[in-house]
Amino acid sequence: NRLLLLDLYTNYISKINLSYYKGFKV
């Protein structure tokens, strides 16, 4: 249960980091 939540959280963070990276890269 906790592991699944952590996995979803890291996946969410990854998407945010990716969009930030793309935003800075432009």
PDB file of N, CA and C in Angstrom:
ATOM      1  N   ASN A   1       0.839  -1.206   0.000  1.00  0.00           N
ATOM      2  CA  ASN A   1       0.000   0.000   0.000  1.00  0.00           C
ATOM      3  C   ASN A   1       0.877   1.261   0.000  1.00  0.00           C
ATOM      4  N   ARG A   2       1.783   1.303   0.936  1.00  0.00           N
ATOM      5  CA  ARG A   2       2.680   2.453   1.031  1.00  0.00           C
ATOM      6  C   ARG A   2       3.615   2.521  -0.172  1.00  0.00           C
ATOM      7  N   LEU A   3       4.059   1.349  -0.613  1.00  0.00           N
ATOM      8  CA  LEU A   3       4.970   1.272  -1.756  1.00  0.00           C
ATOM      9  C   LEU A   3       4.295   1.795  -3.012  1.00  0.00           C
ATOM     10  N   LEU A   4       3.032   1.434  -3.183  1.00  0.00           N
ATOM     11  CA  LEU A   4       2.279   1.888  -4.354  1.00  0.00           C
ATOM     12  C   LEU A   4       2.146   3.407  -4.343  1.00  0.00           C
ATOM     13  N   LEU A   5       1.867   3.954  -3.180  1.00  0.00           N
ATOM     14  CA  LEU A   5       1.716   5.401  -3.038  1.00  0.00           C
ATOM     15  C   LEU A   5       3.034   6.101  -3.387  1.00  0.00           C
ATOM     16  N   LEU A   6       4.128   5.529  -2.908  1.00  0.00           N
ATOM     17  CA  LEU A   6       5.443   6.093  -3.181  1.00  0.00           C
ATOM     18  C   LEU A   6       5.733   6.056  -4.677  1.00  0.00           C
ATOM     19  N   ASP A   7       5.359   4.957  -5.317  1.00  0.00           N
ATOM     20  CA  ASP A   7       5.575   4.792  -6.751  1.00  0.00           C
ATOM     21  C   ASP A   7       4.788   5.847  -7.533  1.00  0.00           C
ATOM     22  N   LEU A   8       3.543   6.050  -7.136  1.00  0.00           N
ATOM     23  CA  LEU A   8       2.707   7.060  -7.800  1.00  0.00           C
ATOM     24  C   LEU A   8       3.286   8.451  -7.584  1.00  0.00           C
ATOM     25  N   TYR A   9       3.770   8.692  -6.383  1.00  0.00           N
ATOM     26  CA  TYR A   9       4.356   9.986  -6.037  1.00  0.00           C
ATOM     27  C   TYR A   9       5.591  10.279  -6.878  1.00  0.00           C
ATOM     28  N   THR A  10       6.486   9.293  -6.979  1.00  0.00           N
ATOM     29  CA  THR A  10       7.710   9.479  -7.762  1.00  0.00           C
ATOM     30  C   THR A  10       7.379   9.662  -9.235  1.00  0.00           C
ATOM     31  N   ASN A  11       6.351   8.966  -9.699  1.00  0.00           N
ATOM     32  CA  ASN A  11       5.933   9.087 -11.098  1.00  0.00           C
ATOM     33  C   ASN A  11       5.424  10.499 -11.359  1.00  0.00           C
ATOM     34  N   TYR A  12       4.661  11.035 -10.416  1.00  0.00           N
ATOM     35  CA  TYR A  12       4.118  12.387 -10.504  1.00  0.00           C
ATOM     36  C   TYR A  12       5.250  13.419 -10.525  1.00  0.00           C
ATOM     37  N   ILE A  13       6.213  13.241  -9.632  1.00  0.00           N
ATOM     38  CA  ILE A  13       7.369  14.132  -9.554  1.00  0.00           C
ATOM     39  C   ILE A  13       8.172  14.082 -10.849  1.00  0.00           C
ATOM     40  N   SER A  14       8.310  12.893 -11.411  1.00  0.00           N
ATOM     41  CA  SER A  14       9.052  12.728 -12.660  1.00  0.00           C
ATOM     42  C   SER A  14       8.412  13.542 -13.778  1.00  0.00           C
ATOM     43  N   LYS A  15       7.090  13.502 -13.846  1.00  0.00           N
ATOM     44  CA  LYS A  15       6.367  14.248 -14.880  1.00  0.00           C
ATOM     45  C   LYS A  15       6.573  15.747 -14.694  1.00  0.00           C
ATOM     46  N   ILE A  16       6.546  16.199 -13.447  1.00  0.00           N
ATOM     47  CA  ILE A  16       6.744  17.619 -13.152  1.00  0.00           C
ATOM     48  C   ILE A  16       8.166  18.037 -13.521  1.00  0.00           C
ATOM     49  N   ASN A  17       9.147  17.211 -13.146  1.00  0.00           N
ATOM     50  CA  ASN A  17      10.538  17.512 -13.463  1.00  0.00           C
ATOM     51  C   ASN A  17      10.738  17.564 -14.960  1.00  0.00           C
ATOM     52  N   LEU A  18      10.089  16.670 -15.673  1.00  0.00           N
ATOM     53  CA  LEU A  18      10.204  16.619 -17.126  1.00  0.00           C
ATOM     54  C   LEU A  18       9.659  17.892 -17.757  1.00  0.00           C
ATOM     55  N   SER A  19       8.504  18.343 -17.282  1.00  0.00           N
ATOM     56  CA  SER A  19       7.902  19.561 -17.830  1.00  0.00           C
ATOM     57  C   SER A  19       8.749  20.782 -17.475  1.00  0.00           C
ATOM     58  N   TYR A  20       9.354  20.778 -16.291  1.00  0.00           N
ATOM     59  CA  TYR A  20      10.239  21.868 -15.898  1.00  0.00           C
ATOM     60  C   TYR A  20      11.454  21.888 -16.811  1.00  0.00           C
ATOM     61  N   TYR A  21      11.993  20.702 -17.056  1.00  0.00           N
ATOM     62  CA  TYR A  21      13.167  20.559 -17.914  1.00  0.00           C
ATOM     63  C   TYR A  21      12.868  21.070 -19.316  1.00  0.00           C
ATOM     64  N   LYS A  22      11.713  20.679 -19.838  1.00  0.00           N
ATOM     65  CA  LYS A  22      11.303  21.124 -21.175  1.00  0.00           C
ATOM     66  C   LYS A  22      11.102  22.637 -21.187  1.00  0.00           C
ATOM     67  N   GLY A  23      10.522  23.151 -20.105  1.00  0.00           N
ATOM     68  CA  GLY A  23      10.272  24.582 -20.003  1.00  0.00           C
ATOM     69  C   GLY A  23      11.568  25.380 -20.010  1.00  0.00           C
ATOM     70  N   PHE A  24      12.568  24.891 -19.274  1.00  0.00           N
ATOM     71  CA  PHE A  24      13.846  25.579 -19.217  1.00  0.00           C
ATOM     72  C   PHE A  24      14.626  25.411 -20.513  1.00  0.00           C
ATOM     73  N   LYS A  25      14.459  24.225 -21.126  1.00  0.00           N
ATOM     74  CA  LYS A  25      15.186  23.933 -22.346  1.00  0.00           C
ATOM     75  C   LYS A  25      14.720  24.821 -23.494  1.00  0.00           C
ATOM     76  N   VAL A  26      13.397  24.901 -23.659  1.00  0.00           N
ATOM     77  CA  VAL A  26      12.764  25.654 -24.754  1.00  0.00           C
ATOM     78  C   VAL A  26      13.630  25.648 -26.015  1.00  0.00           C
TER      79      VAL A  26
END
